[in-house]
Amino acid sequence: MQRSRSWFFYLCAIEGAAAIAALLAIPSEGGRLSPARLGLIGLIAAAVAAAAMLAIAPALRIPYPILL
């Protein structure tokens, strides 16, 4: 029987959330976020969502989704 590695996905989600907080903490010129920063935040948010889904999947007893 394979051991659950959901702790790793929780750690990835926390690390991604810290990266998003760091990106939002950096002051921007004019008080607006640049498109590049918004793109980085979007990519990291997608990775955080995927890691959270993979962490929660074993607890809900659903199979891991197939990544296309």
PDB file of N, CA and C in Angstrom:
ATOM      1  N   MET A   1       0.839  -1.175   0.000  1.00  0.00           N
ATOM      2  CA  MET A   1       0.000   0.000   0.000  1.00  0.00           C
ATOM      3  C   MET A   1       0.891   1.247   0.000  1.00  0.00           C
ATOM      4  N   GLN A   2       0.568   2.177  -0.860  1.00  0.00           N
ATOM      5  CA  GLN A   2       1.365   3.388  -0.991  1.00  0.00           C
ATOM      6  C   GLN A   2       1.015   4.402   0.095  1.00  0.00           C
ATOM      7  N   ARG A   3       2.051   5.009   0.685  1.00  0.00           N
ATOM      8  CA  ARG A   3       1.826   6.027   1.717  1.00  0.00           C
ATOM      9  C   ARG A   3       1.371   7.324   1.075  1.00  0.00           C
ATOM     10  N   SER A   4       0.554   8.040   1.790  1.00  0.00           N
ATOM     11  CA  SER A   4       0.069   9.327   1.308  1.00  0.00           C
ATOM     12  C   SER A   4       1.164  10.378   1.439  1.00  0.00           C
ATOM     13  N   ARG A   5       1.318  11.165   0.422  1.00  0.00           N
ATOM     14  CA  ARG A   5       2.303  12.244   0.428  1.00  0.00           C
ATOM     15  C   ARG A   5       1.608  13.603   0.394  1.00  0.00           C
ATOM     16  N   SER A   6       0.433  13.689   0.993  1.00  0.00           N
ATOM     17  CA  SER A   6      -0.324  14.934   0.930  1.00  0.00           C
ATOM     18  C   SER A   6       0.370  16.065   1.671  1.00  0.00           C
ATOM     19  N   TRP A   7       1.240  15.752   2.646  1.00  0.00           N
ATOM     20  CA  TRP A   7       1.968  16.799   3.359  1.00  0.00           C
ATOM     21  C   TRP A   7       2.803  17.629   2.400  1.00  0.00           C
ATOM     22  N   PHE A   8       3.345  16.979   1.351  1.00  0.00           N
ATOM     23  CA  PHE A   8       4.158  17.695   0.377  1.00  0.00           C
ATOM     24  C   PHE A   8       3.319  18.723  -0.377  1.00  0.00           C
ATOM     25  N   PHE A   9       2.087  18.365  -0.733  1.00  0.00           N
ATOM     26  CA  PHE A   9       1.227  19.283  -1.473  1.00  0.00           C
ATOM     27  C   PHE A   9       0.750  20.422  -0.585  1.00  0.00           C
ATOM     28  N   TYR A  10       0.531  20.140   0.711  1.00  0.00           N
ATOM     29  CA  TYR A  10       0.219  21.231   1.647  1.00  0.00           C
ATOM     30  C   TYR A  10       1.388  22.211   1.717  1.00  0.00           C
ATOM     31  N   LEU A  11       2.604  21.693   1.789  1.00  0.00           N
ATOM     32  CA  LEU A  11       3.792  22.536   1.844  1.00  0.00           C
ATOM     33  C   LEU A  11       3.923  23.381   0.574  1.00  0.00           C
ATOM     34  N   CYS A  12       3.636  22.784  -0.579  1.00  0.00           N
ATOM     35  CA  CYS A  12       3.690  23.537  -1.841  1.00  0.00           C
ATOM     36  C   CYS A  12       2.650  24.653  -1.859  1.00  0.00           C
ATOM     37  N   ALA A  13       1.468  24.397  -1.353  1.00  0.00           N
ATOM     38  CA  ALA A  13       0.426  25.416  -1.322  1.00  0.00           C
ATOM     39  C   ALA A  13       0.809  26.562  -0.392  1.00  0.00           C
ATOM     40  N   ILE A  14       1.404  26.243   0.757  1.00  0.00           N
ATOM     41  CA  ILE A  14       1.830  27.286   1.693  1.00  0.00           C
ATOM     42  C   ILE A  14       2.967  28.111   1.087  1.00  0.00           C
ATOM     43  N   GLU A  15       3.891  27.452   0.408  1.00  0.00           N
ATOM     44  CA  GLU A  15       4.997  28.159  -0.230  1.00  0.00           C
ATOM     45  C   GLU A  15       4.490  29.089  -1.335  1.00  0.00           C
ATOM     46  N   GLY A  16       3.521  28.638  -2.104  1.00  0.00           N
ATOM     47  CA  GLY A  16       2.942  29.486  -3.136  1.00  0.00           C
ATOM     48  C   GLY A  16       2.205  30.680  -2.559  1.00  0.00           C
ATOM     49  N   ALA A  17       1.496  30.461  -1.460  1.00  0.00           N
ATOM     50  CA  ALA A  17       0.797  31.570  -0.808  1.00  0.00           C
ATOM     51  C   ALA A  17       1.793  32.601  -0.284  1.00  0.00           C
ATOM     52  N   ALA A  18       2.936  32.141   0.203  1.00  0.00           N
ATOM     53  CA  ALA A  18       3.972  33.072   0.661  1.00  0.00           C
ATOM     54  C   ALA A  18       4.543  33.867  -0.510  1.00  0.00           C
ATOM     55  N   ALA A  19       4.685  33.232  -1.665  1.00  0.00           N
ATOM     56  CA  ALA A  19       5.181  33.937  -2.846  1.00  0.00           C
ATOM     57  C   ALA A  19       4.189  34.995  -3.307  1.00  0.00           C
ATOM     58  N   ILE A  20       2.903  34.682  -3.259  1.00  0.00           N
ATOM     59  CA  ILE A  20       1.885  35.669  -3.629  1.00  0.00           C
ATOM     60  C   ILE A  20       1.904  36.834  -2.647  1.00  0.00           C
ATOM     61  N   ALA A  21       2.040  36.553  -1.362  1.00  0.00           N
ATOM     62  CA  ALA A  21       2.103  37.624  -0.362  1.00  0.00           C
ATOM     63  C   ALA A  21       3.321  38.512  -0.598  1.00  0.00           C
ATOM     64  N   ALA A  22       4.442  37.911  -0.972  1.00  0.00           N
ATOM     65  CA  ALA A  22       5.641  38.701  -1.251  1.00  0.00           C
ATOM     66  C   ALA A  22       5.447  39.584  -2.479  1.00  0.00           C
ATOM     67  N   LEU A  23       4.797  39.058  -3.512  1.00  0.00           N
ATOM     68  CA  LEU A  23       4.538  39.859  -4.707  1.00  0.00           C
ATOM     69  C   LEU A  23       3.601  41.023  -4.405  1.00  0.00           C
ATOM     70  N   LEU A  24       2.635  40.803  -3.549  1.00  0.00           N
ATOM     71  CA  LEU A  24       1.699  41.870  -3.209  1.00  0.00           C
ATOM     72  C   LEU A  24       2.299  42.879  -2.244  1.00  0.00           C
ATOM     73  N   ALA A  25       3.334  42.486  -1.497  1.00  0.00           N
ATOM     74  CA  ALA A  25       3.948  43.386  -0.523  1.00  0.00           C
ATOM     75  C   ALA A  25       4.919  44.377  -1.158  1.00  0.00           C
ATOM     76  N   ILE A  26       5.385  44.063  -2.361  1.00  0.00           N
ATOM     77  CA  ILE A  26       6.321  44.958  -3.040  1.00  0.00           C
ATOM     78  C   ILE A  26       5.555  46.178  -3.528  1.00  0.00           C
ATOM     79  N   PRO A  27       6.017  47.380  -3.169  1.00  0.00           N
ATOM     80  CA  PRO A  27       5.302  48.572  -3.621  1.00  0.00           C
ATOM     81  C   PRO A  27       5.394  48.731  -5.137  1.00  0.00           C
ATOM     82  N   SER A  28       4.343  49.260  -5.725  1.00  0.00           N
ATOM     83  CA  SER A  28       4.316  49.462  -7.173  1.00  0.00           C
ATOM     84  C   SER A  28       4.187  50.949  -7.476  1.00  0.00           C
ATOM     85  N   GLU A  29       4.604  51.307  -8.663  1.00  0.00           N
ATOM     86  CA  GLU A  29       4.521  52.704  -9.078  1.00  0.00           C
ATOM     87  C   GLU A  29       3.088  53.040  -9.461  1.00  0.00           C
ATOM     88  N   GLY A  30       2.601  54.132  -8.971  1.00  0.00           N
ATOM     89  CA  GLY A  30       1.252  54.568  -9.318  1.00  0.00           C
ATOM     90  C   GLY A  30       0.158  53.825  -8.575  1.00  0.00           C
ATOM     91  N   GLY A  31       0.516  52.917  -7.685  1.00  0.00           N
ATOM     92  CA  GLY A  31      -0.497  52.198  -6.922  1.00  0.00           C
ATOM     93  C   GLY A  31      -1.247  51.136  -7.705  1.00  0.00           C
ATOM     94  N   ARG A  32      -0.765  50.805  -8.897  1.00  0.00           N
ATOM     95  CA  ARG A  32      -1.422  49.780  -9.721  1.00  0.00           C
ATOM     96  C   ARG A  32      -0.468  48.616  -9.939  1.00  0.00           C
ATOM     97  N   LEU A  33      -1.006  47.441 -10.061  1.00  0.00           N
ATOM     98  CA  LEU A  33      -0.186  46.269 -10.335  1.00  0.00           C
ATOM     99  C   LEU A  33       0.048  46.164 -11.839  1.00  0.00           C
ATOM    100  N   SER A  34       1.283  45.856 -12.211  1.00  0.00           N
ATOM    101  CA  SER A  34       1.625  45.740 -13.627  1.00  0.00           C
ATOM    102  C   SER A  34       1.061  44.433 -14.191  1.00  0.00           C
ATOM    103  N   PRO A  35       0.886  44.368 -15.516  1.00  0.00           N
ATOM    104  CA  PRO A  35       0.414  43.114 -16.120  1.00  0.00           C
ATOM    105  C   PRO A  35       1.363  41.938 -15.857  1.00  0.00           C
ATOM    106  N   ALA A  36       2.659  42.216 -15.817  1.00  0.00           N
ATOM    107  CA  ALA A  36       3.617  41.137 -15.541  1.00  0.00           C
ATOM    108  C   ALA A  36       3.432  40.581 -14.129  1.00  0.00           C
ATOM    109  N   ARG A  37       3.229  41.469 -13.173  1.00  0.00           N
ATOM    110  CA  ARG A  37       3.022  41.020 -11.794  1.00  0.00           C
ATOM    111  C   ARG A  37       1.700  40.271 -11.670  1.00  0.00           C
ATOM    112  N   LEU A  38       0.670  40.758 -12.342  1.00  0.00           N
ATOM    113  CA  LEU A  38      -0.614  40.044 -12.318  1.00  0.00           C
ATOM    114  C   LEU A  38      -0.493  38.665 -12.953  1.00  0.00           C
ATOM    115  N   GLY A  39       0.310  38.559 -14.019  1.00  0.00           N
ATOM    116  CA  GLY A  39       0.545  37.252 -14.640  1.00  0.00           C
ATOM    117  C   GLY A  39       1.254  36.294 -13.702  1.00  0.00           C
ATOM    118  N   LEU A  40       2.270  36.787 -12.991  1.00  0.00           N
ATOM    119  CA  LEU A  40       2.971  35.952 -12.012  1.00  0.00           C
ATOM    120  C   LEU A  40       2.038  35.503 -10.895  1.00  0.00           C
ATOM    121  N   ILE A  41       1.227  36.429 -10.411  1.00  0.00           N
ATOM    122  CA  ILE A  41       0.275  36.086  -9.352  1.00  0.00           C
ATOM    123  C   ILE A  41      -0.713  35.036  -9.851  1.00  0.00           C
ATOM    124  N   GLY A  42      -1.165  35.183 -11.097  1.00  0.00           N
ATOM    125  CA  GLY A  42      -2.098  34.206 -11.665  1.00  0.00           C
ATOM    126  C   GLY A  42      -1.488  32.820 -11.805  1.00  0.00           C
ATOM    127  N   LEU A  43      -0.243  32.751 -12.277  1.00  0.00           N
ATOM    128  CA  LEU A  43       0.425  31.452 -12.414  1.00  0.00           C
ATOM    129  C   LEU A  43       0.644  30.791 -11.053  1.00  0.00           C
ATOM    130  N   ILE A  44       1.085  31.577 -10.089  1.00  0.00           N
ATOM    131  CA  ILE A  44       1.315  31.016  -8.757  1.00  0.00           C
ATOM    132  C   ILE A  44      -0.009  30.597  -8.117  1.00  0.00           C
ATOM    133  N   ALA A  45      -1.064  31.383  -8.329  1.00  0.00           N
ATOM    134  CA  ALA A  45      -2.371  31.029  -7.767  1.00  0.00           C
ATOM    135  C   ALA A  45      -2.883  29.716  -8.371  1.00  0.00           C
ATOM    136  N   ALA A  46      -2.636  29.502  -9.668  1.00  0.00           N
ATOM    137  CA  ALA A  46      -3.041  28.244 -10.299  1.00  0.00           C
ATOM    138  C   ALA A  46      -2.266  27.067  -9.702  1.00  0.00           C
ATOM    139  N   ALA A  47      -0.967  27.263  -9.451  1.00  0.00           N
ATOM    140  CA  ALA A  47      -0.163  26.201  -8.838  1.00  0.00           C
ATOM    141  C   ALA A  47      -0.617  25.918  -7.409  1.00  0.00           C
ATOM    142  N   VAL A  48      -0.972  26.970  -6.673  1.00  0.00           N
ATOM    143  CA  VAL A  48      -1.470  26.790  -5.305  1.00  0.00           C
ATOM    144  C   VAL A  48      -2.782  26.013  -5.327  1.00  0.00           C
ATOM    145  N   ALA A  49      -3.666  26.348  -6.256  1.00  0.00           N
ATOM    146  CA  ALA A  49      -4.947  25.642  -6.355  1.00  0.00           C
ATOM    147  C   ALA A  49      -4.732  24.167  -6.697  1.00  0.00           C
ATOM    148  N   ALA A  50      -3.807  23.883  -7.615  1.00  0.00           N
ATOM    149  CA  ALA A  50      -3.522  22.498  -7.985  1.00  0.00           C
ATOM    150  C   ALA A  50      -2.924  21.731  -6.807  1.00  0.00           C
ATOM    151  N   ALA A  51      -2.002  22.357  -6.079  1.00  0.00           N
ATOM    152  CA  ALA A  51      -1.397  21.684  -4.924  1.00  0.00           C
ATOM    153  C   ALA A  51      -2.434  21.427  -3.840  1.00  0.00           C
ATOM    154  N   ALA A  52      -3.320  22.389  -3.613  1.00  0.00           N
ATOM    155  CA  ALA A  52      -4.366  22.188  -2.600  1.00  0.00           C
ATOM    156  C   ALA A  52      -5.306  21.055  -3.012  1.00  0.00           C
ATOM    157  N   MET A  53      -5.639  20.988  -4.302  1.00  0.00           N
ATOM    158  CA  MET A  53      -6.518  19.920  -4.780  1.00  0.00           C
ATOM    159  C   MET A  53      -5.849  18.560  -4.602  1.00  0.00           C
ATOM    160  N   LEU A  54      -4.549  18.479  -4.923  1.00  0.00           N
ATOM    161  CA  LEU A  54      -3.838  17.209  -4.766  1.00  0.00           C
ATOM    162  C   LEU A  54      -3.647  16.840  -3.298  1.00  0.00           C
ATOM    163  N   ALA A  55      -3.598  17.825  -2.416  1.00  0.00           N
ATOM    164  CA  ALA A  55      -3.461  17.539  -0.983  1.00  0.00           C
ATOM    165  C   ALA A  55      -4.768  17.041  -0.391  1.00  0.00           C
ATOM    166  N   ILE A  56      -5.876  17.572  -0.860  1.00  0.00           N
ATOM    167  CA  ILE A  56      -7.183  17.224  -0.305  1.00  0.00           C
ATOM    168  C   ILE A  56      -7.742  15.933  -0.907  1.00  0.00           C
ATOM    169  N   ALA A  57      -7.309  15.566  -2.093  1.00  0.00           N
ATOM    170  CA  ALA A  57      -7.863  14.398  -2.786  1.00  0.00           C
ATOM    171  C   ALA A  57      -7.803  13.105  -1.968  1.00  0.00           C
ATOM    172  N   PRO A  58      -6.682  12.753  -1.325  1.00  0.00           N
ATOM    173  CA  PRO A  58      -6.677  11.502  -0.550  1.00  0.00           C
ATOM    174  C   PRO A  58      -7.637  11.529   0.641  1.00  0.00           C
ATOM    175  N   ALA A  59      -7.792  12.680   1.270  1.00  0.00           N
ATOM    176  CA  ALA A  59      -8.693  12.771   2.424  1.00  0.00           C
ATOM    177  C   ALA A  59     -10.146  12.562   2.009  1.00  0.00           C
ATOM    178  N   LEU A  60     -10.482  12.984   0.816  1.00  0.00           N
ATOM    179  CA  LEU A  60     -11.841  12.809   0.312  1.00  0.00           C
ATOM    180  C   LEU A  60     -12.040  11.480  -0.413  1.00  0.00           C
ATOM    181  N   ARG A  61     -10.971  10.709  -0.465  1.00  0.00           N
ATOM    182  CA  ARG A  61     -10.972   9.397  -1.123  1.00  0.00           C
ATOM    183  C   ARG A  61     -11.403   9.477  -2.588  1.00  0.00           C
ATOM    184  N   ILE A  62     -10.920  10.481  -3.261  1.00  0.00           N
ATOM    185  CA  ILE A  62     -11.141  10.581  -4.704  1.00  0.00           C
ATOM    186  C   ILE A  62      -9.801  10.342  -5.389  1.00  0.00           C
ATOM    187  N   PRO A  63      -9.810   9.732  -6.558  1.00  0.00           N
ATOM    188  CA  PRO A  63      -8.529   9.471  -7.241  1.00  0.00           C
ATOM    189  C   PRO A  63      -7.898  10.778  -7.709  1.00  0.00           C
ATOM    190  N   TYR A  64      -6.585  10.742  -7.833  1.00  0.00           N
ATOM    191  CA  TYR A  64      -5.891  11.923  -8.349  1.00  0.00           C
ATOM    192  C   TYR A  64      -6.370  12.214  -9.772  1.00  0.00           C
ATOM    193  N   PRO A  65      -6.575  13.464 -10.078  1.00  0.00           N
ATOM    194  CA  PRO A  65      -7.011  13.796 -11.442  1.00  0.00           C
ATOM    195  C   PRO A  65      -5.885  13.533 -12.429  1.00  0.00           C
ATOM    196  N   ILE A  66      -6.269  13.191 -13.626  1.00  0.00           N
ATOM    197  CA  ILE A  66      -5.286  12.957 -14.689  1.00  0.00           C
ATOM    198  C   ILE A  66      -4.942  14.304 -15.290  1.00  0.00           C
ATOM    199  N   LEU A  67      -3.665  14.635 -15.271  1.00  0.00           N
ATOM    200  CA  LEU A  67      -3.229  15.899 -15.844  1.00  0.00           C
ATOM    201  C   LEU A  67      -3.054  15.739 -17.348  1.00  0.00           C
ATOM    202  N   LEU A  68      -3.646  16.621 -18.085  1.00  0.00           N
ATOM    203  CA  LEU A  68      -3.570  16.527 -19.553  1.00  0.00           C
ATOM    204  C   LEU A  68      -2.329  17.187 -20.074  1.00  0.00           C
TER     205      LEU A  68
END
